[in-house]
Amino acid sequence: MRITVEELLEQYAAGERDFTGVDIFLELREEGMYGINLSGANFRYANLQRLITCSQGINLSGSDLRGVNLEYAHFERANLSGADLSYTNLWRACFDNANLSRADLSGGTLDEVIFFKANLREANLSGASLSQTCFLCADLTEVNFSFARFYQTDFSEANLTKVNFRGTQLEIIDNIESLVLCERVVFKDTLFKDTIMPDGTIRTKYID
C-alpha cells in the first residue's frame, strides 16, 4: 500500500499504529518537516526511506522497524529509544546525536554506521556486524556487544562503562590496548568474559 507522509500522519493521529509493509512517498509540500512523532508504530517491512529523508529529529521511540531497509538513512537527533531494529540493515546510516537508549539492534548490519555523540545506554547490539563502525563520543553505558563481530571499530572518546563484550574477538578492534589505557575512553566494570584479546589471550574478568 502506498501512502503519502500526510496520509500517514493523519492515520497515526486517528489512532492507527500498524503500518506493516507500507510504501511512503512524498509530495513537494511534505519536504523539510521536523519532529514528526510516530512512536510505538509498527513499520515492519515498510519503505521508510522517503519519510526519513524529508524529516529531521523524527520520534520512532518504541517502534517496530524489523525488516526495514535503512541503508544510508539519516537519523540525526532522532529518538529511537526502545525501538526494535533487530536484524535490520543499517549500512552507512548516520545517528549523530540520536537517542537509541534500550534499543534492540541485535543481529543487525551496522557496518560503517556513524553513532557520533549518540546515546546507546542499555542498547542491545549482540551479534551485530560492526565493521568500520564509529562510536566517537558515544554513550555506550551497559551496552550488550556479546558475540558481535568487530573490524576497525572506532571507540574514541566513548563511554564504555559496564559494557558486555562477552564472546567477542577484540584483536580486530584498532588499538584496543591503547584504548584501555586512554584517558579519553571510559572503561569501568566492563565485562570481557571469554573475549579474545589482541595478544591471543582470553580475558575472563572485568576492567574496573
C-alpha atoms as a PDB file:
ATOM      1  CA  MET A   1       0.000   0.000   0.000  1.00  0.00           C
ATOM      2  CA  ARG A   2       1.337   3.429  -0.967  1.00  0.00           C
ATOM      3  CA  ILE A   3       0.522   6.452   1.169  1.00  0.00           C
ATOM      4  CA  THR A   4       1.835   9.985   1.431  1.00  0.00           C
ATOM      5  CA  VAL A   5       3.514  11.289   4.570  1.00  0.00           C
ATOM      6  CA  GLU A   6       0.460  13.487   5.155  1.00  0.00           C
ATOM      7  CA  GLU A   7      -1.834  10.445   4.979  1.00  0.00           C
ATOM      8  CA  LEU A   8       0.479   8.545   7.309  1.00  0.00           C
ATOM      9  CA  LEU A   9       0.331  11.318   9.911  1.00  0.00           C
ATOM     10  CA  GLU A  10      -3.450  11.615   9.593  1.00  0.00           C
ATOM     11  CA  GLN A  11      -3.902   7.880  10.172  1.00  0.00           C
ATOM     12  CA  TYR A  12      -1.477   7.948  13.101  1.00  0.00           C
ATOM     13  CA  ALA A  13      -3.331  10.880  14.680  1.00  0.00           C
ATOM     14  CA  ALA A  14      -6.551   8.874  14.318  1.00  0.00           C
ATOM     15  CA  GLY A  15      -5.045   6.052  16.363  1.00  0.00           C
ATOM     16  CA  GLU A  16      -3.679   3.733  13.672  1.00  0.00           C
ATOM     17  CA  ARG A  17      -0.366   2.112  14.633  1.00  0.00           C
ATOM     18  CA  ASP A  18       0.003  -0.777  12.173  1.00  0.00           C
ATOM     19  CA  PHE A  19       1.804   0.329   9.005  1.00  0.00           C
ATOM     20  CA  THR A  20       3.279  -3.027   8.096  1.00  0.00           C
ATOM     21  CA  GLY A  21       4.646  -3.053   4.551  1.00  0.00           C
ATOM     22  CA  VAL A  22       3.521   0.463   3.593  1.00  0.00           C
ATOM     23  CA  ASP A  23       5.405   2.373   0.905  1.00  0.00           C
ATOM     24  CA  ILE A  24       5.582   6.021   1.930  1.00  0.00           C
ATOM     25  CA  PHE A  25       6.081   8.602  -0.818  1.00  0.00           C
ATOM     26  CA  LEU A  26       6.482  12.359  -0.784  1.00  0.00           C
ATOM     27  CA  GLU A  27       4.628  15.327  -2.120  1.00  0.00           C
ATOM     28  CA  LEU A  28       6.542  18.586  -2.523  1.00  0.00           C
ATOM     29  CA  ARG A  29       4.862  20.289   0.440  1.00  0.00           C
ATOM     30  CA  GLU A  30       5.987  17.457   2.722  1.00  0.00           C
ATOM     31  CA  GLU A  31       9.716  18.153   2.479  1.00  0.00           C
ATOM     32  CA  GLY A  32      11.743  19.566   5.372  1.00  0.00           C
ATOM     33  CA  MET A  33       9.467  18.537   8.243  1.00  0.00           C
ATOM     34  CA  TYR A  34      10.853  18.449  11.785  1.00  0.00           C
ATOM     35  CA  GLY A  35       9.957  16.480  14.898  1.00  0.00           C
ATOM     36  CA  ILE A  36       7.423  14.029  13.445  1.00  0.00           C
ATOM     37  CA  ASN A  37       6.058  11.759  16.185  1.00  0.00           C
ATOM     38  CA  LEU A  38       5.412   8.141  15.155  1.00  0.00           C
ATOM     39  CA  SER A  39       6.320   6.497  18.433  1.00  0.00           C
ATOM     40  CA  GLY A  40       5.056   2.981  19.065  1.00  0.00           C
ATOM     41  CA  ALA A  41       4.122   2.306  15.435  1.00  0.00           C
ATOM     42  CA  ASN A  42       4.652  -0.954  13.556  1.00  0.00           C
ATOM     43  CA  PHE A  43       6.670  -0.395  10.379  1.00  0.00           C
ATOM     44  CA  ARG A  44       7.790  -3.959   9.716  1.00  0.00           C
ATOM     45  CA  TYR A  45       8.925  -4.363   6.084  1.00  0.00           C
ATOM     46  CA  ALA A  46       7.817  -0.813   5.284  1.00  0.00           C
ATOM     47  CA  ASN A  47       9.649   1.552   2.939  1.00  0.00           C
ATOM     48  CA  LEU A  48      10.663   4.490   5.142  1.00  0.00           C
ATOM     49  CA  GLN A  49      13.482   5.912   3.023  1.00  0.00           C
ATOM     50  CA  ARG A  50      11.478   8.889   1.760  1.00  0.00           C
ATOM     51  CA  LEU A  51       9.963   9.636   5.170  1.00  0.00           C
ATOM     52  CA  ILE A  52      13.374   9.721   6.820  1.00  0.00           C
ATOM     53  CA  THR A  53      14.837  11.818   4.004  1.00  0.00           C
ATOM     54  CA  CYS A  54      12.209  14.554   4.413  1.00  0.00           C
ATOM     55  CA  SER A  55      12.155  14.733   8.216  1.00  0.00           C
ATOM     56  CA  GLN A  56      14.614  15.707  10.944  1.00  0.00           C
ATOM     57  CA  GLY A  57      14.513  14.760  14.603  1.00  0.00           C
ATOM     58  CA  ILE A  58      11.884  12.079  13.985  1.00  0.00           C
ATOM     59  CA  ASN A  59      10.433  10.258  17.008  1.00  0.00           C
ATOM     60  CA  LEU A  60      10.254   6.495  16.445  1.00  0.00           C
ATOM     61  CA  SER A  61      10.666   5.501  20.062  1.00  0.00           C
ATOM     62  CA  GLY A  62       9.235   2.077  20.823  1.00  0.00           C
ATOM     63  CA  SER A  63       8.531   1.419  17.142  1.00  0.00           C
ATOM     64  CA  ASP A  64       8.924  -1.907  15.353  1.00  0.00           C
ATOM     65  CA  LEU A  65      11.378  -1.419  12.472  1.00  0.00           C
ATOM     66  CA  ARG A  66      12.287  -5.036  11.837  1.00  0.00           C
ATOM     67  CA  GLY A  67      12.815  -5.978   8.212  1.00  0.00           C
ATOM     68  CA  VAL A  68      13.145  -2.340   7.108  1.00  0.00           C
ATOM     69  CA  ASN A  69      15.982  -1.436   4.733  1.00  0.00           C
ATOM     70  CA  LEU A  70      17.632   1.627   6.286  1.00  0.00           C
ATOM     71  CA  GLU A  71      20.836   1.807   4.249  1.00  0.00           C
ATOM     72  CA  TYR A  72      22.203   5.374   4.187  1.00  0.00           C
ATOM     73  CA  ALA A  73      19.360   6.515   6.494  1.00  0.00           C
ATOM     74  CA  HIS A  74      19.837   9.832   8.291  1.00  0.00           C
ATOM     75  CA  PHE A  75      18.635   9.741  11.885  1.00  0.00           C
ATOM     76  CA  GLU A  76      20.392  12.833  13.212  1.00  0.00           C
ATOM     77  CA  ARG A  77      18.828  13.844  16.558  1.00  0.00           C
ATOM     78  CA  ALA A  78      16.176  11.149  16.137  1.00  0.00           C
ATOM     79  CA  ASN A  79      14.505   9.427  19.085  1.00  0.00           C
ATOM     80  CA  LEU A  80      14.714   5.654  18.654  1.00  0.00           C
ATOM     81  CA  SER A  81      14.740   4.771  22.331  1.00  0.00           C
ATOM     82  CA  GLY A  82      13.315   1.304  22.901  1.00  0.00           C
ATOM     83  CA  ALA A  83      12.822   0.732  19.169  1.00  0.00           C
ATOM     84  CA  ASP A  84      13.149  -2.764  17.699  1.00  0.00           C
ATOM     85  CA  LEU A  85      15.766  -2.661  14.931  1.00  0.00           C
ATOM     86  CA  SER A  86      16.879  -6.262  15.326  1.00  0.00           C
ATOM     87  CA  TYR A  87      18.339  -7.845  12.175  1.00  0.00           C
ATOM     88  CA  THR A  88      17.869  -4.564  10.309  1.00  0.00           C
ATOM     89  CA  ASN A  89      20.169  -3.393   7.512  1.00  0.00           C
ATOM     90  CA  LEU A  90      21.605  -0.028   8.647  1.00  0.00           C
ATOM     91  CA  TRP A  91      24.698   0.020   6.412  1.00  0.00           C
ATOM     92  CA  ARG A  92      26.206   3.533   6.319  1.00  0.00           C
ATOM     93  CA  ALA A  93      23.366   5.044   8.338  1.00  0.00           C
ATOM     94  CA  CYS A  94      24.010   8.132  10.452  1.00  0.00           C
ATOM     95  CA  PHE A  95      22.836   8.504  14.066  1.00  0.00           C
ATOM     96  CA  ASP A  96      24.589  11.710  15.105  1.00  0.00           C
ATOM     97  CA  ASN A  97      23.221  12.888  18.476  1.00  0.00           C
ATOM     98  CA  ALA A  98      20.422  10.306  18.279  1.00  0.00           C
ATOM     99  CA  ASN A  99      18.759   8.625  21.257  1.00  0.00           C
ATOM    100  CA  LEU A 100      18.984   4.823  20.954  1.00  0.00           C
ATOM    101  CA  SER A 101      18.800   4.015  24.645  1.00  0.00           C
ATOM    102  CA  ARG A 102      17.437   0.495  25.259  1.00  0.00           C
ATOM    103  CA  ALA A 103      17.015  -0.025  21.501  1.00  0.00           C
ATOM    104  CA  ASP A 104      17.360  -3.540  20.101  1.00  0.00           C
ATOM    105  CA  LEU A 105      19.916  -3.633  17.266  1.00  0.00           C
ATOM    106  CA  SER A 106      20.861  -7.254  17.791  1.00  0.00           C
ATOM    107  CA  GLY A 107      21.937  -9.185  14.710  1.00  0.00           C
ATOM    108  CA  GLY A 108      21.842  -6.032  12.602  1.00  0.00           C
ATOM    109  CA  THR A 109      24.144  -4.919   9.801  1.00  0.00           C
ATOM    110  CA  LEU A 110      25.764  -1.834  11.327  1.00  0.00           C
ATOM    111  CA  ASP A 111      28.811  -1.654   9.067  1.00  0.00           C
ATOM    112  CA  GLU A 112      30.177   1.879   8.502  1.00  0.00           C
ATOM    113  CA  VAL A 113      27.423   3.361  10.677  1.00  0.00           C
ATOM    114  CA  ILE A 114      28.161   6.623  12.494  1.00  0.00           C
ATOM    115  CA  PHE A 115      26.982   6.966  16.112  1.00  0.00           C
ATOM    116  CA  PHE A 116      28.676  10.293  16.860  1.00  0.00           C
ATOM    117  CA  LYS A 117      27.579  11.505  20.324  1.00  0.00           C
ATOM    118  CA  ALA A 118      24.699   9.024  20.231  1.00  0.00           C
ATOM    119  CA  ASN A 119      23.012   7.774  23.397  1.00  0.00           C
ATOM    120  CA  LEU A 120      23.075   3.965  23.325  1.00  0.00           C
ATOM    121  CA  ARG A 121      22.702   3.325  27.040  1.00  0.00           C
ATOM    122  CA  GLU A 122      21.477  -0.241  27.687  1.00  0.00           C
ATOM    123  CA  ALA A 123      21.087  -0.934  23.949  1.00  0.00           C
ATOM    124  CA  ASN A 124      21.367  -4.484  22.646  1.00  0.00           C
ATOM    125  CA  LEU A 125      23.921  -4.922  19.841  1.00  0.00           C
ATOM    126  CA  SER A 126      24.591  -8.599  20.452  1.00  0.00           C
ATOM    127  CA  GLY A 127      25.547 -10.500  17.310  1.00  0.00           C
ATOM    128  CA  ALA A 128      25.662  -7.314  15.227  1.00  0.00           C
ATOM    129  CA  SER A 129      28.156  -6.695  12.426  1.00  0.00           C
ATOM    130  CA  LEU A 130      30.285  -3.647  13.319  1.00  0.00           C
ATOM    131  CA  SER A 131      32.841  -3.257  10.545  1.00  0.00           C
ATOM    132  CA  GLN A 132      34.351   0.267  10.456  1.00  0.00           C
ATOM    133  CA  THR A 133      31.561   1.481  12.724  1.00  0.00           C
ATOM    134  CA  CYS A 134      32.173   4.790  14.519  1.00  0.00           C
ATOM    135  CA  PHE A 135      31.154   5.314  18.164  1.00  0.00           C
ATOM    136  CA  LEU A 136      33.047   8.597  18.570  1.00  0.00           C
ATOM    137  CA  CYS A 137      31.976  10.323  21.822  1.00  0.00           C
ATOM    138  CA  ALA A 138      29.012   7.931  22.168  1.00  0.00           C
ATOM    139  CA  ASP A 139      27.490   6.868  25.489  1.00  0.00           C
ATOM    140  CA  LEU A 140      27.680   3.058  25.464  1.00  0.00           C
ATOM    141  CA  THR A 141      26.954   2.510  29.141  1.00  0.00           C
ATOM    142  CA  GLU A 142      25.697  -1.052  29.734  1.00  0.00           C
ATOM    143  CA  VAL A 143      25.550  -1.874  26.016  1.00  0.00           C
ATOM    144  CA  ASN A 144      25.418  -5.575  25.169  1.00  0.00           C
ATOM    145  CA  PHE A 145      28.038  -6.341  22.481  1.00  0.00           C
ATOM    146  CA  SER A 146      28.128 -10.076  23.226  1.00  0.00           C
ATOM    147  CA  PHE A 147      29.136 -12.150  20.194  1.00  0.00           C
ATOM    148  CA  ALA A 148      29.202  -9.057  17.966  1.00  0.00           C
ATOM    149  CA  ARG A 149      31.621  -9.023  15.012  1.00  0.00           C
ATOM    150  CA  PHE A 150      34.128  -6.152  15.021  1.00  0.00           C
ATOM    151  CA  TYR A 151      36.516  -4.852  12.390  1.00  0.00           C
ATOM    152  CA  GLN A 152      38.304  -1.489  12.713  1.00  0.00           C
ATOM    153  CA  THR A 153      35.634  -0.253  15.117  1.00  0.00           C
ATOM    154  CA  ASP A 154      36.250   3.250  16.481  1.00  0.00           C
ATOM    155  CA  PHE A 155      35.524   3.802  20.204  1.00  0.00           C
ATOM    156  CA  SER A 156      37.390   7.106  20.505  1.00  0.00           C
ATOM    157  CA  GLU A 157      36.209   9.181  23.486  1.00  0.00           C
ATOM    158  CA  ALA A 158      33.286   6.786  24.087  1.00  0.00           C
ATOM    159  CA  ASN A 159      31.876   5.804  27.476  1.00  0.00           C
ATOM    160  CA  LEU A 160      32.190   2.006  27.781  1.00  0.00           C
ATOM    161  CA  THR A 161      31.113   1.684  31.407  1.00  0.00           C
ATOM    162  CA  LYS A 162      29.669  -1.773  32.201  1.00  0.00           C
ATOM    163  CA  VAL A 163      29.742  -2.814  28.535  1.00  0.00           C
ATOM    164  CA  ASN A 164      29.411  -6.544  27.803  1.00  0.00           C
ATOM    165  CA  PHE A 165      31.992  -7.831  25.284  1.00  0.00           C
ATOM    166  CA  ARG A 166      31.371 -11.496  26.091  1.00  0.00           C
ATOM    167  CA  GLY A 167      32.327 -13.911  23.320  1.00  0.00           C
ATOM    168  CA  THR A 168      33.756 -11.231  21.013  1.00  0.00           C
ATOM    169  CA  GLN A 169      37.143 -11.096  19.321  1.00  0.00           C
ATOM    170  CA  LEU A 170      38.786  -7.796  20.109  1.00  0.00           C
ATOM    171  CA  GLU A 171      42.040  -8.442  18.297  1.00  0.00           C
ATOM    172  CA  ILE A 172      40.425  -6.848  15.247  1.00  0.00           C
ATOM    173  CA  ILE A 173      39.466  -3.627  17.022  1.00  0.00           C
ATOM    174  CA  ASP A 174      42.080  -0.984  16.257  1.00  0.00           C
ATOM    175  CA  ASN A 175      44.481  -0.372  19.143  1.00  0.00           C
ATOM    176  CA  ILE A 176      42.299  -1.944  21.826  1.00  0.00           C
ATOM    177  CA  GLU A 177      45.137  -1.925  24.375  1.00  0.00           C
ATOM    178  CA  SER A 178      45.756   1.780  23.869  1.00  0.00           C
ATOM    179  CA  LEU A 179      42.025   2.373  24.217  1.00  0.00           C
ATOM    180  CA  VAL A 180      42.032   0.605  27.584  1.00  0.00           C
ATOM    181  CA  LEU A 181      44.734   2.955  28.803  1.00  0.00           C
ATOM    182  CA  CYS A 182      43.457   6.082  27.060  1.00  0.00           C
ATOM    183  CA  GLU A 183      42.019   8.715  29.378  1.00  0.00           C
ATOM    184  CA  ARG A 184      39.508   9.739  26.736  1.00  0.00           C
ATOM    185  CA  VAL A 185      37.796   6.340  26.769  1.00  0.00           C
ATOM    186  CA  VAL A 186      35.919   5.297  29.902  1.00  0.00           C
ATOM    187  CA  PHE A 187      36.250   1.594  30.806  1.00  0.00           C
ATOM    188  CA  LYS A 188      34.651   0.777  34.158  1.00  0.00           C
ATOM    189  CA  ASP A 189      33.207  -2.573  35.261  1.00  0.00           C
ATOM    190  CA  THR A 190      33.441  -3.684  31.623  1.00  0.00           C
ATOM    191  CA  LEU A 191      32.893  -7.395  31.016  1.00  0.00           C
ATOM    192  CA  PHE A 192      35.388  -9.186  28.770  1.00  0.00           C
ATOM    193  CA  LYS A 193      34.310 -12.742  29.633  1.00  0.00           C
ATOM    194  CA  ASP A 194      35.500 -15.267  27.022  1.00  0.00           C
ATOM    195  CA  THR A 195      36.881 -12.375  24.982  1.00  0.00           C
ATOM    196  CA  ILE A 196      39.896 -12.848  22.706  1.00  0.00           C
ATOM    197  CA  MET A 197      42.353 -10.002  23.241  1.00  0.00           C
ATOM    198  CA  PRO A 198      44.996  -8.748  20.780  1.00  0.00           C
ATOM    199  CA  ASP A 199      47.762 -10.925  22.246  1.00  0.00           C
ATOM    200  CA  GLY A 200      45.650 -14.046  21.780  1.00  0.00           C
ATOM    201  CA  THR A 201      44.796 -14.436  25.444  1.00  0.00           C
ATOM    202  CA  ILE A 202      41.227 -14.875  26.596  1.00  0.00           C
ATOM    203  CA  ARG A 203      40.142 -12.276  29.121  1.00  0.00           C
ATOM    204  CA  THR A 204      37.640 -13.582  31.641  1.00  0.00           C
ATOM    205  CA  LYS A 205      37.171 -10.668  34.022  1.00  0.00           C
ATOM    206  CA  TYR A 206      36.113  -7.066  34.296  1.00  0.00           C
ATOM    207  CA  ILE A 207      38.173  -3.962  33.803  1.00  0.00           C
ATOM    208  CA  ASP A 208      37.477  -1.955  36.934  1.00  0.00           C
END
